Amino acid sequence: MKSREWKWGLIIGVVNIVWLIVSWLAGWHGGGIGSFQVAIVMGFFLSFVGFALAFREMTGTEPETTFSEGLRFGALVAALSALLTAGGWALYLWKVNPGMSAHLVSEVRAYYTSAGVAP
């Protein structure tokens, strides 16, 4: 594994963790389920931009990169960023906002109840 995979995996993972905390501080996690969904989608787009920049750097420095090398690069970056992001979510749910899971379950139940769906 080259240092470029580590670099971009860490950058994307840290950006995801920072976005999680920023969206929580903005109050998007305590409102309705819609605001939380918007925060999640925005986090997805931040990851997408990170991957686009990573592949741009890779092809800029190594223009002769083959498809399989690019696939390997993307898989390693994705694995590293996913591990870091999952660790950040675990810490968030364990220490920062331990009631988040129960809040989301109650929001989903309230949504389906208001739509007339039986339990």
N, C-alpha and C. Protein backbone atom coordinates (compact mmCIF):
# COMPACT_ATOMS: atom_id res chain seq x y z
N MET A 1 0.85 -1.17 0.00
CA MET A 1 0.00 0.00 0.00
C MET A 1 0.90 1.24 0.00
N LYS A 2 0.61 2.13 -0.91
CA LYS A 2 1.40 3.35 -1.03
C LYS A 2 0.88 4.41 -0.07
N SER A 3 1.70 5.43 0.12
CA SER A 3 1.30 6.50 1.04
C SER A 3 0.10 7.28 0.51
N ARG A 4 -0.12 7.26 -0.80
CA ARG A 4 -1.26 8.00 -1.37
C ARG A 4 -2.59 7.40 -0.90
N GLU A 5 -2.67 6.08 -0.80
CA GLU A 5 -3.89 5.45 -0.31
C GLU A 5 -4.16 5.84 1.13
N TRP A 6 -3.11 5.82 1.94
CA TRP A 6 -3.24 6.23 3.34
C TRP A 6 -3.69 7.68 3.43
N LYS A 7 -3.04 8.53 2.64
CA LYS A 7 -3.35 9.96 2.67
C LYS A 7 -4.83 10.20 2.37
N TRP A 8 -5.33 9.67 1.26
CA TRP A 8 -6.70 9.94 0.87
C TRP A 8 -7.70 9.20 1.74
N GLY A 9 -7.37 8.01 2.21
CA GLY A 9 -8.24 7.31 3.14
C GLY A 9 -8.43 8.09 4.43
N LEU A 10 -7.33 8.64 4.94
CA LEU A 10 -7.40 9.44 6.16
C LEU A 10 -8.13 10.76 5.93
N ILE A 11 -7.86 11.41 4.80
CA ILE A 11 -8.53 12.68 4.51
C ILE A 11 -10.04 12.48 4.43
N ILE A 12 -10.48 11.50 3.65
CA ILE A 12 -11.91 11.28 3.48
C ILE A 12 -12.56 10.85 4.80
N GLY A 13 -11.90 9.99 5.56
CA GLY A 13 -12.44 9.56 6.85
C GLY A 13 -12.55 10.70 7.84
N VAL A 14 -11.52 11.54 7.91
CA VAL A 14 -11.55 12.68 8.84
C VAL A 14 -12.61 13.69 8.42
N VAL A 15 -12.74 13.94 7.11
CA VAL A 15 -13.78 14.85 6.64
C VAL A 15 -15.17 14.33 7.03
N ASN A 16 -15.38 13.03 6.91
CA ASN A 16 -16.67 12.45 7.31
C ASN A 16 -16.93 12.64 8.80
N ILE A 17 -15.92 12.43 9.62
CA ILE A 17 -16.09 12.60 11.07
C ILE A 17 -16.35 14.07 11.40
N VAL A 18 -15.60 14.96 10.77
CA VAL A 18 -15.81 16.40 11.02
C VAL A 18 -17.21 16.80 10.59
N TRP A 19 -17.67 16.31 9.42
CA TRP A 19 -19.02 16.63 8.97
C TRP A 19 -20.07 16.09 9.93
N LEU A 20 -19.86 14.91 10.48
CA LEU A 20 -20.78 14.35 11.46
C LEU A 20 -20.92 15.27 12.66
N ILE A 21 -19.80 15.75 13.18
CA ILE A 21 -19.82 16.62 14.35
C ILE A 21 -20.43 17.99 14.00
N VAL A 22 -20.07 18.54 12.84
CA VAL A 22 -20.60 19.84 12.43
C VAL A 22 -22.11 19.78 12.25
N SER A 23 -22.60 18.73 11.60
CA SER A 23 -24.05 18.61 11.40
C SER A 23 -24.77 18.40 12.73
N TRP A 24 -24.11 17.72 13.68
CA TRP A 24 -24.71 17.55 15.01
C TRP A 24 -24.75 18.90 15.74
N LEU A 25 -23.65 19.65 15.67
CA LEU A 25 -23.62 20.96 16.32
C LEU A 25 -24.62 21.93 15.70
N ALA A 26 -24.89 21.76 14.42
CA ALA A 26 -25.87 22.62 13.73
C ALA A 26 -27.30 22.25 14.12
N GLY A 27 -27.47 21.14 14.82
CA GLY A 27 -28.79 20.73 15.29
C GLY A 27 -29.56 19.86 14.32
N TRP A 28 -28.91 19.36 13.29
CA TRP A 28 -29.60 18.56 12.28
C TRP A 28 -29.91 17.15 12.76
N HIS A 29 -29.30 16.70 13.84
CA HIS A 29 -29.53 15.35 14.32
C HIS A 29 -30.66 15.29 15.34
N GLY A 30 -31.04 16.41 15.88
CA GLY A 30 -32.08 16.42 16.90
C GLY A 30 -33.45 16.76 16.37
N GLY A 31 -33.50 17.21 15.14
CA GLY A 31 -34.78 17.57 14.54
C GLY A 31 -35.47 16.35 13.97
N GLY A 32 -36.25 16.59 12.96
CA GLY A 32 -36.95 15.49 12.31
C GLY A 32 -36.01 14.63 11.49
N ILE A 33 -36.56 13.55 11.00
CA ILE A 33 -35.75 12.60 10.25
C ILE A 33 -35.28 13.20 8.92
N GLY A 34 -36.02 14.14 8.38
CA GLY A 34 -35.66 14.77 7.11
C GLY A 34 -34.35 15.53 7.19
N SER A 35 -34.15 16.29 8.27
CA SER A 35 -32.90 17.05 8.40
C SER A 35 -31.71 16.11 8.59
N PHE A 36 -31.92 15.00 9.27
CA PHE A 36 -30.83 14.04 9.43
C PHE A 36 -30.49 13.40 8.08
N GLN A 37 -31.52 13.11 7.27
CA GLN A 37 -31.27 12.54 5.95
C GLN A 37 -30.50 13.51 5.06
N VAL A 38 -30.81 14.79 5.15
CA VAL A 38 -30.07 15.79 4.37
C VAL A 38 -28.61 15.81 4.81
N ALA A 39 -28.37 15.73 6.09
CA ALA A 39 -26.99 15.71 6.59
C ALA A 39 -26.23 14.49 6.07
N ILE A 40 -26.88 13.34 6.03
CA ILE A 40 -26.25 12.12 5.54
C ILE A 40 -25.93 12.25 4.05
N VAL A 41 -26.85 12.79 3.27
CA VAL A 41 -26.63 12.94 1.83
C VAL A 41 -25.49 13.93 1.57
N MET A 42 -25.43 14.99 2.35
CA MET A 42 -24.33 15.95 2.18
C MET A 42 -22.99 15.30 2.53
N GLY A 43 -22.98 14.43 3.53
CA GLY A 43 -21.77 13.68 3.85
C GLY A 43 -21.35 12.77 2.72
N PHE A 44 -22.34 12.16 2.05
CA PHE A 44 -22.04 11.33 0.88
C PHE A 44 -21.36 12.15 -0.20
N PHE A 45 -21.86 13.35 -0.47
CA PHE A 45 -21.26 14.18 -1.51
C PHE A 45 -19.86 14.64 -1.13
N LEU A 46 -19.61 14.87 0.16
CA LEU A 46 -18.25 15.20 0.59
C LEU A 46 -17.31 14.03 0.31
N SER A 47 -17.76 12.81 0.55
CA SER A 47 -16.96 11.63 0.25
C SER A 47 -16.72 11.52 -1.25
N PHE A 48 -17.76 11.76 -2.03
CA PHE A 48 -17.64 11.70 -3.49
C PHE A 48 -16.59 12.68 -3.99
N VAL A 49 -16.61 13.90 -3.47
CA VAL A 49 -15.61 14.91 -3.86
C VAL A 49 -14.21 14.43 -3.46
N GLY A 50 -14.09 13.84 -2.27
CA GLY A 50 -12.79 13.32 -1.83
C GLY A 50 -12.26 12.25 -2.77
N PHE A 51 -13.13 11.33 -3.18
CA PHE A 51 -12.70 10.29 -4.11
C PHE A 51 -12.34 10.87 -5.47
N ALA A 52 -13.10 11.86 -5.94
CA ALA A 52 -12.78 12.49 -7.22
C ALA A 52 -11.41 13.15 -7.16
N LEU A 53 -11.11 13.83 -6.07
CA LEU A 53 -9.80 14.47 -5.92
C LEU A 53 -8.69 13.42 -5.81
N ALA A 54 -8.96 12.33 -5.12
CA ALA A 54 -7.97 11.27 -4.99
C ALA A 54 -7.64 10.66 -6.35
N PHE A 55 -8.66 10.35 -7.14
CA PHE A 55 -8.42 9.77 -8.46
C PHE A 55 -7.77 10.78 -9.41
N ARG A 56 -8.11 12.03 -9.24
CA ARG A 56 -7.48 13.08 -10.06
C ARG A 56 -5.99 13.15 -9.76
N GLU A 57 -5.63 13.09 -8.47
CA GLU A 57 -4.21 13.11 -8.11
C GLU A 57 -3.50 11.87 -8.65
N MET A 58 -4.15 10.71 -8.52
CA MET A 58 -3.53 9.47 -8.97
C MET A 58 -3.26 9.51 -10.47
N THR A 59 -4.24 9.91 -11.25
CA THR A 59 -4.05 9.93 -12.70
C THR A 59 -3.15 11.08 -13.13
N GLY A 60 -3.06 12.12 -12.33
CA GLY A 60 -2.17 13.23 -12.65
C GLY A 60 -0.71 12.87 -12.45
N THR A 61 -0.43 12.10 -11.41
CA THR A 61 0.96 11.72 -11.14
C THR A 61 1.37 10.44 -11.86
N GLU A 62 0.40 9.58 -12.15
CA GLU A 62 0.67 8.33 -12.85
C GLU A 62 -0.34 8.16 -13.98
N PRO A 63 -0.16 8.88 -15.09
CA PRO A 63 -1.17 8.83 -16.16
C PRO A 63 -1.27 7.47 -16.84
N GLU A 64 -0.29 6.61 -16.68
CA GLU A 64 -0.32 5.29 -17.30
C GLU A 64 -0.99 4.24 -16.41
N THR A 65 -1.72 4.68 -15.41
CA THR A 65 -2.40 3.78 -14.49
C THR A 65 -3.40 2.91 -15.23
N THR A 66 -3.37 1.61 -14.95
CA THR A 66 -4.32 0.69 -15.57
C THR A 66 -5.63 0.67 -14.76
N PHE A 67 -6.64 0.07 -15.35
CA PHE A 67 -7.93 -0.05 -14.68
C PHE A 67 -7.81 -0.81 -13.37
N SER A 68 -7.09 -1.92 -13.38
CA SER A 68 -6.96 -2.73 -12.17
C SER A 68 -6.19 -1.99 -11.08
N GLU A 69 -5.20 -1.19 -11.46
CA GLU A 69 -4.47 -0.40 -10.46
C GLU A 69 -5.39 0.68 -9.87
N GLY A 70 -6.21 1.30 -10.70
CA GLY A 70 -7.16 2.28 -10.21
C GLY A 70 -8.21 1.66 -9.31
N LEU A 71 -8.66 0.47 -9.68
CA LEU A 71 -9.63 -0.25 -8.86
C LEU A 71 -9.03 -0.60 -7.50
N ARG A 72 -7.80 -1.06 -7.49
CA ARG A 72 -7.10 -1.39 -6.25
C ARG A 72 -6.95 -0.13 -5.38
N PHE A 73 -6.53 0.96 -6.01
CA PHE A 73 -6.37 2.23 -5.31
C PHE A 73 -7.69 2.65 -4.66
N GLY A 74 -8.77 2.64 -5.44
CA GLY A 74 -10.07 3.04 -4.91
C GLY A 74 -10.56 2.14 -3.80
N ALA A 75 -10.33 0.85 -3.93
CA ALA A 75 -10.77 -0.09 -2.89
C ALA A 75 -10.00 0.15 -1.58
N LEU A 76 -8.71 0.40 -1.68
CA LEU A 76 -7.92 0.65 -0.47
C LEU A 76 -8.32 1.97 0.20
N VAL A 77 -8.52 3.00 -0.61
CA VAL A 77 -8.96 4.29 -0.05
C VAL A 77 -10.32 4.12 0.61
N ALA A 78 -11.23 3.41 -0.06
CA ALA A 78 -12.57 3.19 0.49
C ALA A 78 -12.51 2.41 1.80
N ALA A 79 -11.68 1.39 1.85
CA ALA A 79 -11.58 0.58 3.07
C ALA A 79 -11.02 1.40 4.23
N LEU A 80 -9.99 2.17 3.97
CA LEU A 80 -9.39 2.99 5.04
C LEU A 80 -10.37 4.06 5.51
N SER A 81 -11.01 4.74 4.57
CA SER A 81 -11.95 5.80 4.97
C SER A 81 -13.17 5.20 5.69
N ALA A 82 -13.62 4.03 5.25
CA ALA A 82 -14.76 3.39 5.91
C ALA A 82 -14.42 2.97 7.34
N LEU A 83 -13.23 2.43 7.54
CA LEU A 83 -12.82 2.06 8.91
C LEU A 83 -12.77 3.27 9.82
N LEU A 84 -12.20 4.34 9.33
CA LEU A 84 -12.10 5.55 10.14
C LEU A 84 -13.48 6.16 10.39
N THR A 85 -14.31 6.20 9.37
CA THR A 85 -15.66 6.75 9.52
C THR A 85 -16.49 5.90 10.48
N ALA A 86 -16.41 4.59 10.35
CA ALA A 86 -17.16 3.71 11.26
C ALA A 86 -16.70 3.90 12.70
N GLY A 87 -15.41 4.06 12.90
CA GLY A 87 -14.89 4.34 14.24
C GLY A 87 -15.41 5.67 14.77
N GLY A 88 -15.47 6.67 13.91
CA GLY A 88 -16.01 7.97 14.31
C GLY A 88 -17.48 7.88 14.68
N TRP A 89 -18.26 7.13 13.88
CA TRP A 89 -19.68 6.93 14.20
C TRP A 89 -19.85 6.19 15.51
N ALA A 90 -19.04 5.17 15.73
CA ALA A 90 -19.13 4.42 16.99
C ALA A 90 -18.85 5.33 18.18
N LEU A 91 -17.82 6.15 18.07
CA LEU A 91 -17.50 7.08 19.14
C LEU A 91 -18.63 8.10 19.33
N TYR A 92 -19.18 8.57 18.22
CA TYR A 92 -20.28 9.53 18.28
C TYR A 92 -21.49 8.92 18.99
N LEU A 93 -21.87 7.70 18.60
CA LEU A 93 -23.04 7.06 19.20
C LEU A 93 -22.80 6.61 20.63
N TRP A 94 -21.55 6.39 20.99
CA TRP A 94 -21.23 5.91 22.32
C TRP A 94 -21.04 7.06 23.31
N LYS A 95 -20.34 8.11 22.88
CA LYS A 95 -19.99 9.19 23.80
C LYS A 95 -20.70 10.52 23.54
N VAL A 96 -20.75 10.96 22.30
CA VAL A 96 -21.24 12.30 21.99
C VAL A 96 -22.77 12.38 22.05
N ASN A 97 -23.44 11.43 21.40
CA ASN A 97 -24.90 11.46 21.32
C ASN A 97 -25.46 10.06 21.49
N PRO A 98 -25.39 9.51 22.71
CA PRO A 98 -25.82 8.12 22.90
C PRO A 98 -27.31 7.88 22.67
N GLY A 99 -28.13 8.90 22.70
CA GLY A 99 -29.56 8.73 22.49
C GLY A 99 -29.98 8.82 21.03
N MET A 100 -29.03 8.92 20.13
CA MET A 100 -29.35 9.11 18.71
C MET A 100 -30.13 7.93 18.13
N SER A 101 -29.73 6.72 18.44
CA SER A 101 -30.42 5.55 17.89
C SER A 101 -31.88 5.52 18.33
N ALA A 102 -32.13 5.74 19.60
CA ALA A 102 -33.51 5.75 20.11
C ALA A 102 -34.30 6.89 19.48
N HIS A 103 -33.66 8.03 19.28
CA HIS A 103 -34.33 9.18 18.65
C HIS A 103 -34.75 8.84 17.22
N LEU A 104 -33.85 8.23 16.45
CA LEU A 104 -34.17 7.87 15.07
C LEU A 104 -35.29 6.84 15.00
N VAL A 105 -35.27 5.86 15.91
CA VAL A 105 -36.33 4.85 15.93
C VAL A 105 -37.67 5.52 16.22
N SER A 106 -37.70 6.45 17.17
CA SER A 106 -38.96 7.13 17.49
C SER A 106 -39.42 8.01 16.33
N GLU A 107 -38.49 8.63 15.62
CA GLU A 107 -38.86 9.45 14.46
C GLU A 107 -39.46 8.60 13.34
N VAL A 108 -38.86 7.45 13.09
CA VAL A 108 -39.38 6.56 12.05
C VAL A 108 -40.75 6.03 12.43
N ARG A 109 -40.90 5.66 13.69
CA ARG A 109 -42.22 5.19 14.15
C ARG A 109 -43.26 6.28 14.02
N ALA A 110 -42.91 7.51 14.39
CA ALA A 110 -43.86 8.61 14.29
C ALA A 110 -44.23 8.88 12.83
N TYR A 111 -43.26 8.77 11.94
CA TYR A 111 -43.55 8.97 10.52
C TYR A 111 -44.54 7.94 10.00
N TYR A 112 -44.28 6.67 10.30
CA TYR A 112 -45.18 5.63 9.80
C TYR A 112 -46.54 5.67 10.48
N THR A 113 -46.60 6.04 11.73
CA THR A 113 -47.88 6.19 12.42
C THR A 113 -48.70 7.31 11.78
N SER A 114 -48.03 8.42 11.46
CA SER A 114 -48.75 9.54 10.83
C SER A 114 -49.21 9.18 9.42
N ALA A 115 -48.52 8.23 8.78
CA ALA A 115 -48.91 7.78 7.44
C ALA A 115 -50.01 6.73 7.49
N GLY A 116 -50.39 6.31 8.71
CA GLY A 116 -51.45 5.34 8.85
C GLY A 116 -51.03 3.88 8.76
N VAL A 117 -49.74 3.62 8.87
CA VAL A 117 -49.24 2.26 8.81
C VAL A 117 -49.36 1.65 10.21
N ALA A 118 -49.95 0.48 10.30
CA ALA A 118 -50.12 -0.19 11.59
C ALA A 118 -48.79 -0.75 12.07
N PRO A 119 -48.59 -0.81 13.39
CA PRO A 119 -47.33 -1.37 13.92
C PRO A 119 -47.16 -2.81 13.53
